[in-house]
Protein backbone atom coordinates (compact mmCIF):
# COMPACT_ATOMS: atom_id res chain seq x y z
CA MET A 1 194.56 146.53 -88.45
CA ARG A 2 197.45 148.80 -89.46
CA ARG A 3 195.31 150.46 -92.16
CA THR A 4 192.59 151.17 -89.60
CA VAL A 5 195.08 152.85 -87.28
CA GLN A 6 196.48 154.93 -90.15
CA PHE A 7 192.98 155.92 -91.25
CA LEU A 8 192.04 156.99 -87.72
CA ALA A 9 195.26 158.99 -87.40
CA VAL A 10 194.51 160.84 -90.65
CA VAL A 11 190.91 161.53 -89.60
CA MET A 12 192.02 162.88 -86.21
CA ALA A 13 194.72 165.06 -87.80
CA LEU A 14 192.18 166.44 -90.25
CA ALA A 15 189.69 167.13 -87.43
CA VAL A 16 192.34 169.02 -85.48
CA ALA A 17 193.35 171.00 -88.56
CA LEU A 18 189.76 171.99 -89.28
CA ALA A 19 188.83 172.69 -85.67
CA GLN A 20 187.58 176.19 -85.10
CA THR A 21 188.69 178.49 -82.36
CA GLN A 22 186.15 179.64 -79.81
CA VAL A 23 185.67 183.41 -80.08
CA ALA A 24 183.34 184.09 -77.14
CA THR A 25 180.68 182.61 -74.88
CA ILE A 26 176.98 183.47 -74.64
CA THR A 27 174.87 183.68 -71.50
CA SER A 28 171.17 184.56 -71.45
CA ASP A 29 168.13 184.35 -69.21
CA SER A 30 165.80 183.40 -72.07
CA SER A 31 165.86 181.25 -75.18
CA PHE A 32 167.95 182.48 -78.10
CA GLN A 33 169.19 181.33 -81.50
CA LEU A 34 172.79 180.16 -82.06
CA ARG A 35 173.84 178.88 -85.51
CA GLY A 36 170.14 178.76 -86.43
CA ALA A 37 169.28 176.38 -83.58
CA GLY A 38 167.13 177.27 -80.59
CA VAL A 39 168.94 177.24 -77.25
CA THR A 40 167.03 177.14 -73.96
CA PRO A 41 168.99 178.20 -70.85
CA GLY A 42 168.56 176.42 -67.54
CA GLN A 43 169.50 172.95 -68.71
CA GLY A 44 172.68 172.78 -66.63
CA VAL A 45 174.81 174.66 -69.17
CA PRO A 46 175.68 178.20 -67.97
CA SER A 47 177.21 179.39 -71.26
CA TRP A 48 177.50 178.36 -74.89
CA PRO A 49 180.59 178.67 -77.12
CA VAL A 50 180.58 181.05 -80.08
CA MET A 51 182.72 180.04 -83.07
CA PRO A 52 183.86 182.14 -86.05
CA GLY A 53 180.98 182.69 -88.48
CA ASP A 54 178.24 182.06 -85.91
CA THR A 55 175.03 184.06 -86.09
CA ILE A 56 173.11 184.76 -82.92
CA GLN A 57 169.70 186.21 -82.16
CA ALA A 58 168.57 187.23 -78.70
CA GLY A 59 165.21 186.03 -77.46
CA SER A 60 162.91 187.95 -75.11
CA SER A 61 165.78 189.15 -72.89
CA PRO A 62 169.25 190.51 -73.62
CA LEU A 63 172.08 188.07 -74.13
CA THR A 64 175.70 188.64 -73.14
CA LEU A 65 178.71 187.77 -75.27
CA THR A 66 181.92 187.50 -73.26
CA PHE A 67 185.11 187.49 -75.32
CA LEU A 68 188.33 185.75 -74.28
CA ASP A 69 189.95 189.00 -73.06
CA GLY A 70 186.92 189.79 -70.84
CA SER A 71 185.30 192.33 -73.18
CA THR A 72 181.51 192.04 -73.23
CA ILE A 73 178.74 192.92 -75.66
CA ILE A 74 175.10 192.80 -74.60
CA LEU A 75 172.67 192.24 -77.46
CA SER A 76 169.18 193.71 -77.01
CA PRO A 77 166.10 191.46 -76.98
CA GLY A 78 165.38 190.30 -80.53
CA GLY A 79 168.71 191.69 -81.78
CA LYS A 80 170.73 189.74 -84.32
CA ALA A 81 174.50 189.64 -84.86
CA LYS A 82 177.31 187.67 -86.46
CA VAL A 83 180.61 186.89 -84.72
CA ASP A 84 183.77 186.20 -86.67
CA LEU A 85 187.56 186.50 -86.56
CA SER A 86 189.83 188.84 -88.49
CA GLY A 87 193.28 187.37 -87.95
CA LYS A 88 193.22 186.82 -84.18
CA THR A 89 190.83 189.71 -83.43
CA PRO A 90 187.13 188.96 -82.80
CA VAL A 91 184.63 190.76 -85.04
CA PHE A 92 181.11 191.62 -83.82
CA GLN A 93 178.74 192.55 -86.66
CA LEU A 94 175.38 193.90 -85.49
CA GLN A 95 172.74 192.96 -88.08
CA SER A 96 169.61 194.22 -86.32
CA GLY A 97 168.62 195.73 -82.99
CA GLU A 98 170.96 197.32 -80.48
CA ALA A 99 174.08 196.33 -78.58
CA HIS A 100 175.95 197.75 -75.60
CA TYR A 101 179.69 197.09 -75.54
CA SER A 102 182.31 197.22 -72.80
CA LEU A 103 185.79 196.62 -74.23
CA LYS A 104 189.08 195.96 -72.43
CA THR A 105 190.97 197.95 -75.10
CA LEU A 106 189.74 199.92 -78.13
CA ALA A 107 191.12 197.16 -80.37
CA SER A 108 189.76 194.19 -78.35
CA VAL A 109 186.86 193.54 -80.70
CA LYS A 110 186.28 194.94 -84.18
CA LEU A 111 182.79 196.41 -84.24
CA GLU A 112 180.51 196.63 -87.28
CA GLN A 113 176.98 197.87 -87.92
CA LEU A 114 175.74 195.81 -90.85
CA LYS A 115 178.90 195.85 -93.01
CA THR A 116 180.20 199.25 -91.89
CA ALA A 117 183.17 199.32 -89.50
CA VAL A 118 182.64 201.27 -86.28
CA VAL A 119 185.71 202.74 -84.62
CA PRO A 120 184.97 203.04 -80.89
CA LYS A 121 186.01 206.31 -79.25
CA ASP A 122 185.49 204.96 -75.74
CA LEU A 123 185.75 201.54 -74.09
CA VAL A 124 182.00 201.61 -73.37
CA GLY A 125 179.34 202.46 -75.92
CA ASP A 126 176.32 201.46 -77.96
CA LEU A 127 175.57 200.25 -81.48
CA SER A 128 172.18 200.50 -83.19
CA ILE A 129 170.61 199.42 -86.49
CA GLY A 130 167.47 200.98 -87.93
CA SER A 131 167.26 204.14 -85.87
CA SER A 132 169.55 206.83 -84.58
CA LYS A 133 168.36 206.28 -81.05
CA LEU A 134 168.42 203.11 -78.98
CA ALA A 135 165.10 201.57 -78.03
CA ALA A 136 163.97 203.13 -74.79
CA GLY A 137 164.50 201.16 -71.65
CA TRP A 138 166.43 198.07 -72.76
CA TRP A 139 169.79 199.15 -71.29
CA THR A 140 169.33 201.40 -68.31
CA THR A 141 171.31 202.73 -65.40
CA GLY A 142 169.58 200.00 -63.42
CA HIS A 143 171.25 197.34 -65.61
CA THR A 144 174.64 198.92 -65.02
CA LEU A 145 174.03 199.06 -61.27
CA ALA A 146 172.82 195.45 -61.28
CA VAL A 147 175.99 194.29 -63.04
CA ILE A 148 178.20 196.24 -60.64
CA GLY A 149 176.15 195.12 -57.63
CA GLY A 150 176.23 191.50 -58.75
CA ALA A 151 180.00 191.60 -59.11
CA ALA A 152 180.36 193.22 -55.68
CA GLY A 153 177.98 190.69 -54.16
CA ALA A 154 179.89 187.77 -55.66
CA ALA A 155 183.15 189.19 -54.34
CA ALA A 156 181.65 189.71 -50.88
CA LEU A 157 180.24 186.19 -50.88
CA ALA A 158 183.64 184.78 -51.80
CA VAL A 159 185.27 186.71 -48.95
CA GLY A 160 182.53 185.61 -46.56
CA VAL A 161 182.95 181.96 -47.51
CA ALA A 162 186.73 182.23 -47.18
CA LYS A 163 186.43 183.78 -43.71
CA GLY A 164 183.52 181.61 -42.59
CA ARG A 165 183.50 179.57 -39.41
CA PRO A 166 185.02 176.11 -39.51
CA SER A 167 182.51 173.47 -40.50
CA SER A 168 184.14 170.50 -38.82
CA PRO A 169 186.24 169.87 -35.70
CA GLY A 170 189.17 168.98 -37.95
CA GLN A 171 189.28 172.65 -39.02
CA CYS A 172 189.63 174.07 -35.51
CA ASN A 173 192.09 173.61 -32.64
CA ASN A 174 193.46 170.27 -33.88
CA GLY A 175 189.91 168.92 -33.79
CA GLN A 176 190.19 168.39 -30.04
CA GLY A 177 189.73 171.93 -28.75
CA ASN A 178 193.21 172.08 -27.21
CA GLY A 179 194.66 174.86 -29.46
CA GLY A 180 198.27 175.20 -30.43
CA ASN A 181 197.82 174.97 -34.18
CA GLY A 182 196.73 178.58 -34.93
CA LEU A 183 193.20 177.55 -35.95
CA PRO A 184 190.12 179.23 -34.43
CA ASN A 185 188.25 177.79 -31.46
CA CYS A 186 185.61 175.22 -32.28
CA PRO A 187 182.01 176.52 -32.22
């Protein structure tokens, strides 16, 4: 019995020592490849973890990588990339296609095109492999407006829910309609 406990303790310690750190999460509206396996969204999992050394390939729609500091990189449909760590800094290596990045700081994520380091001049920009110009139409002003509008809509919804009418008598006028507790009148 004692040997079994010791063995399990060693196995657990080894597992913890070898455990990888999550670098980012992926969200997508269509199927994509992660670590060589097909992933199909819509199965109750809103995002998938990205570990150091993972390769990813977008499917028929862009996929979004969100890093721990909030920086994001959107990989174009069919685009391929590798995500890694250099010390504690995430590394995004574009291998094919295009990517649009939005960084929290210029040093948030190390960017590479194939094996060439890219030093961002601005917090927002684009990477491309295979041509000097991004494929027409995959990242448009409409995408930017949709992201901004979605964030504003989510914020407005949260405010609306927080300021919504009470849903039960226990949330208004002591539940008896006689006031005195600072809660709104019952509907």
